[in-house]
Amino acid sequence: MRAPNGDMRGRAWIEAVVQRTPDHCAAVDAPSADPATMLGVNKQLGRRFRIVSARWLRADEI
């Protein structure tokens, strides 16, 4: 985070473990749908992810 004058005020790091699911971002397309027939959003974004875990990291863990 930076102050209005540009000085660094703080830093933060987070680690996230994610799991890719078979479902598309827009639920209108079946997981087994042919990519040629999918909605544009599903072609662009692909499958859904779910956050399995997250934790804040210390600077010495980077």
N, C-alpha and C. Protein backbone atom coordinates (compact mmCIF):
# COMPACT_ATOMS: atom_id res chain seq x y z
N MET A 1 0.85 -1.16 0.00
CA MET A 1 0.00 0.00 0.00
C MET A 1 0.90 1.24 0.00
N ARG A 2 0.50 2.21 -0.78
CA ARG A 2 1.30 3.44 -0.86
C ARG A 2 0.51 4.62 -0.31
N ALA A 3 1.25 5.52 0.32
CA ALA A 3 0.67 6.76 0.82
C ALA A 3 0.47 7.70 -0.38
N PRO A 4 -0.33 8.74 -0.22
CA PRO A 4 -0.55 9.68 -1.32
C PRO A 4 0.74 10.28 -1.88
N ASN A 5 1.78 10.38 -1.07
CA ASN A 5 3.05 10.93 -1.56
C ASN A 5 3.93 9.87 -2.22
N GLY A 6 3.46 8.64 -2.31
CA GLY A 6 4.20 7.58 -2.99
C GLY A 6 5.02 6.69 -2.07
N ASP A 7 5.14 7.03 -0.78
CA ASP A 7 5.90 6.20 0.15
C ASP A 7 5.19 4.86 0.38
N MET A 8 5.99 3.80 0.48
CA MET A 8 5.43 2.48 0.75
C MET A 8 4.99 2.40 2.21
N ARG A 9 3.74 2.03 2.43
CA ARG A 9 3.20 1.93 3.79
C ARG A 9 3.12 0.50 4.29
N GLY A 10 2.96 -0.43 3.40
CA GLY A 10 2.85 -1.82 3.83
C GLY A 10 2.74 -2.76 2.65
N ARG A 11 2.94 -4.02 2.92
CA ARG A 11 2.83 -5.07 1.91
C ARG A 11 2.10 -6.25 2.52
N ALA A 12 1.45 -7.01 1.66
CA ALA A 12 0.76 -8.21 2.12
C ALA A 12 0.82 -9.26 1.01
N TRP A 13 0.95 -10.52 1.41
CA TRP A 13 0.95 -11.63 0.47
C TRP A 13 -0.04 -12.67 0.98
N ILE A 14 -0.71 -13.29 0.04
CA ILE A 14 -1.64 -14.36 0.39
C ILE A 14 -1.38 -15.54 -0.54
N GLU A 15 -1.52 -16.73 0.00
CA GLU A 15 -1.39 -17.96 -0.78
C GLU A 15 -2.77 -18.59 -0.84
N ALA A 16 -3.21 -18.93 -2.03
CA ALA A 16 -4.51 -19.58 -2.19
C ALA A 16 -4.32 -20.90 -2.91
N VAL A 17 -4.97 -21.93 -2.42
CA VAL A 17 -5.01 -23.22 -3.08
C VAL A 17 -6.39 -23.32 -3.71
N VAL A 18 -6.43 -23.53 -5.03
CA VAL A 18 -7.71 -23.58 -5.74
C VAL A 18 -7.88 -24.94 -6.41
N GLN A 19 -9.14 -25.30 -6.62
CA GLN A 19 -9.46 -26.56 -7.29
C GLN A 19 -10.31 -26.24 -8.52
N ARG A 20 -9.90 -26.74 -9.65
CA ARG A 20 -10.67 -26.55 -10.87
C ARG A 20 -11.81 -27.56 -10.87
N THR A 21 -13.02 -27.10 -11.19
CA THR A 21 -14.18 -27.98 -11.22
C THR A 21 -14.58 -28.25 -12.66
N PRO A 22 -15.40 -29.27 -12.91
CA PRO A 22 -15.82 -29.54 -14.29
C PRO A 22 -16.86 -28.54 -14.80
N ASP A 23 -17.48 -27.76 -13.92
CA ASP A 23 -18.53 -26.83 -14.32
C ASP A 23 -17.95 -25.60 -15.01
N HIS A 24 -18.70 -25.09 -15.99
CA HIS A 24 -18.31 -23.86 -16.68
C HIS A 24 -18.74 -22.65 -15.85
N CYS A 25 -18.17 -21.49 -16.15
CA CYS A 25 -18.50 -20.26 -15.42
C CYS A 25 -19.99 -19.93 -15.53
N ALA A 26 -20.55 -20.03 -16.72
CA ALA A 26 -21.99 -19.86 -16.91
C ALA A 26 -22.61 -21.25 -16.93
N ALA A 27 -23.53 -21.51 -16.03
CA ALA A 27 -24.07 -22.86 -15.84
C ALA A 27 -24.95 -23.35 -16.98
N VAL A 28 -25.18 -22.55 -18.01
CA VAL A 28 -26.06 -22.98 -19.10
C VAL A 28 -25.43 -24.05 -19.99
N ASP A 29 -24.10 -24.14 -19.99
CA ASP A 29 -23.43 -25.17 -20.78
C ASP A 29 -23.08 -26.35 -19.88
N ALA A 30 -23.37 -27.56 -20.36
CA ALA A 30 -23.03 -28.77 -19.61
C ALA A 30 -21.51 -28.93 -19.56
N PRO A 31 -20.98 -29.58 -18.52
CA PRO A 31 -19.54 -29.80 -18.43
C PRO A 31 -18.97 -30.53 -19.66
N SER A 32 -19.78 -31.35 -20.30
CA SER A 32 -19.32 -32.11 -21.46
C SER A 32 -19.62 -31.42 -22.79
N ALA A 33 -20.07 -30.17 -22.76
CA ALA A 33 -20.45 -29.46 -23.98
C ALA A 33 -19.29 -29.30 -24.94
N ASP A 34 -19.60 -29.33 -26.22
CA ASP A 34 -18.61 -29.10 -27.27
C ASP A 34 -18.19 -27.63 -27.22
N PRO A 35 -16.90 -27.34 -27.14
CA PRO A 35 -16.45 -25.95 -27.06
C PRO A 35 -16.96 -25.07 -28.20
N ALA A 36 -17.23 -25.64 -29.36
CA ALA A 36 -17.71 -24.86 -30.50
C ALA A 36 -19.13 -24.35 -30.28
N THR A 37 -19.89 -24.99 -29.38
CA THR A 37 -21.28 -24.58 -29.16
C THR A 37 -21.48 -23.81 -27.85
N MET A 38 -20.42 -23.56 -27.11
CA MET A 38 -20.55 -22.90 -25.80
C MET A 38 -20.76 -21.40 -25.93
N LEU A 39 -21.31 -20.82 -24.87
CA LEU A 39 -21.46 -19.37 -24.79
C LEU A 39 -20.09 -18.70 -24.82
N GLY A 40 -20.05 -17.46 -25.25
CA GLY A 40 -18.81 -16.71 -25.32
C GLY A 40 -18.10 -16.61 -23.97
N VAL A 41 -18.87 -16.41 -22.89
CA VAL A 41 -18.25 -16.27 -21.56
C VAL A 41 -17.57 -17.57 -21.17
N ASN A 42 -18.14 -18.70 -21.51
CA ASN A 42 -17.53 -19.98 -21.17
C ASN A 42 -16.30 -20.26 -22.04
N LYS A 43 -16.32 -19.79 -23.28
CA LYS A 43 -15.14 -19.92 -24.14
C LYS A 43 -14.00 -19.06 -23.60
N GLN A 44 -14.36 -17.88 -23.11
CA GLN A 44 -13.34 -16.95 -22.63
C GLN A 44 -12.81 -17.32 -21.25
N LEU A 45 -13.69 -17.68 -20.31
CA LEU A 45 -13.29 -17.91 -18.93
C LEU A 45 -13.08 -19.38 -18.58
N GLY A 46 -13.71 -20.27 -19.30
CA GLY A 46 -13.50 -21.70 -19.06
C GLY A 46 -14.24 -22.24 -17.85
N ARG A 47 -13.55 -23.04 -17.07
CA ARG A 47 -14.16 -23.75 -15.93
C ARG A 47 -14.15 -22.91 -14.66
N ARG A 48 -14.97 -23.33 -13.73
CA ARG A 48 -15.01 -22.67 -12.41
C ARG A 48 -13.87 -23.18 -11.54
N PHE A 49 -13.46 -22.34 -10.61
CA PHE A 49 -12.48 -22.73 -9.59
C PHE A 49 -13.11 -22.49 -8.24
N ARG A 50 -12.73 -23.28 -7.26
CA ARG A 50 -13.18 -23.02 -5.89
C ARG A 50 -11.95 -22.91 -5.01
N ILE A 51 -12.02 -22.01 -4.07
CA ILE A 51 -10.90 -21.81 -3.14
C ILE A 51 -10.97 -22.90 -2.09
N VAL A 52 -9.91 -23.69 -2.00
CA VAL A 52 -9.82 -24.77 -1.02
C VAL A 52 -9.28 -24.24 0.30
N SER A 53 -8.26 -23.39 0.22
CA SER A 53 -7.70 -22.79 1.42
C SER A 53 -6.96 -21.51 1.04
N ALA A 54 -6.78 -20.66 2.03
CA ALA A 54 -6.03 -19.41 1.84
C ALA A 54 -5.34 -19.08 3.15
N ARG A 55 -4.15 -18.49 3.03
CA ARG A 55 -3.45 -18.08 4.23
C ARG A 55 -2.56 -16.89 3.91
N TRP A 56 -2.42 -16.01 4.87
CA TRP A 56 -1.52 -14.88 4.74
C TRP A 56 -0.09 -15.35 4.95
N LEU A 57 0.83 -14.80 4.15
CA LEU A 57 2.23 -15.18 4.23
C LEU A 57 3.06 -14.08 4.88
N ARG A 58 4.10 -14.48 5.58
CA ARG A 58 5.06 -13.52 6.13
C ARG A 58 6.10 -13.21 5.04
N ALA A 59 6.79 -12.12 5.17
CA ALA A 59 7.79 -11.72 4.18
C ALA A 59 8.88 -12.77 4.03
N ASP A 60 9.21 -13.49 5.11
CA ASP A 60 10.27 -14.51 5.00
C ASP A 60 9.80 -15.79 4.32
N GLU A 61 8.53 -15.89 3.99
CA GLU A 61 8.00 -17.05 3.27
C GLU A 61 7.92 -16.84 1.75
N ILE A 62 8.26 -15.65 1.32
CA ILE A 62 8.18 -15.33 -0.10
C ILE A 62 9.44 -15.77 -0.81
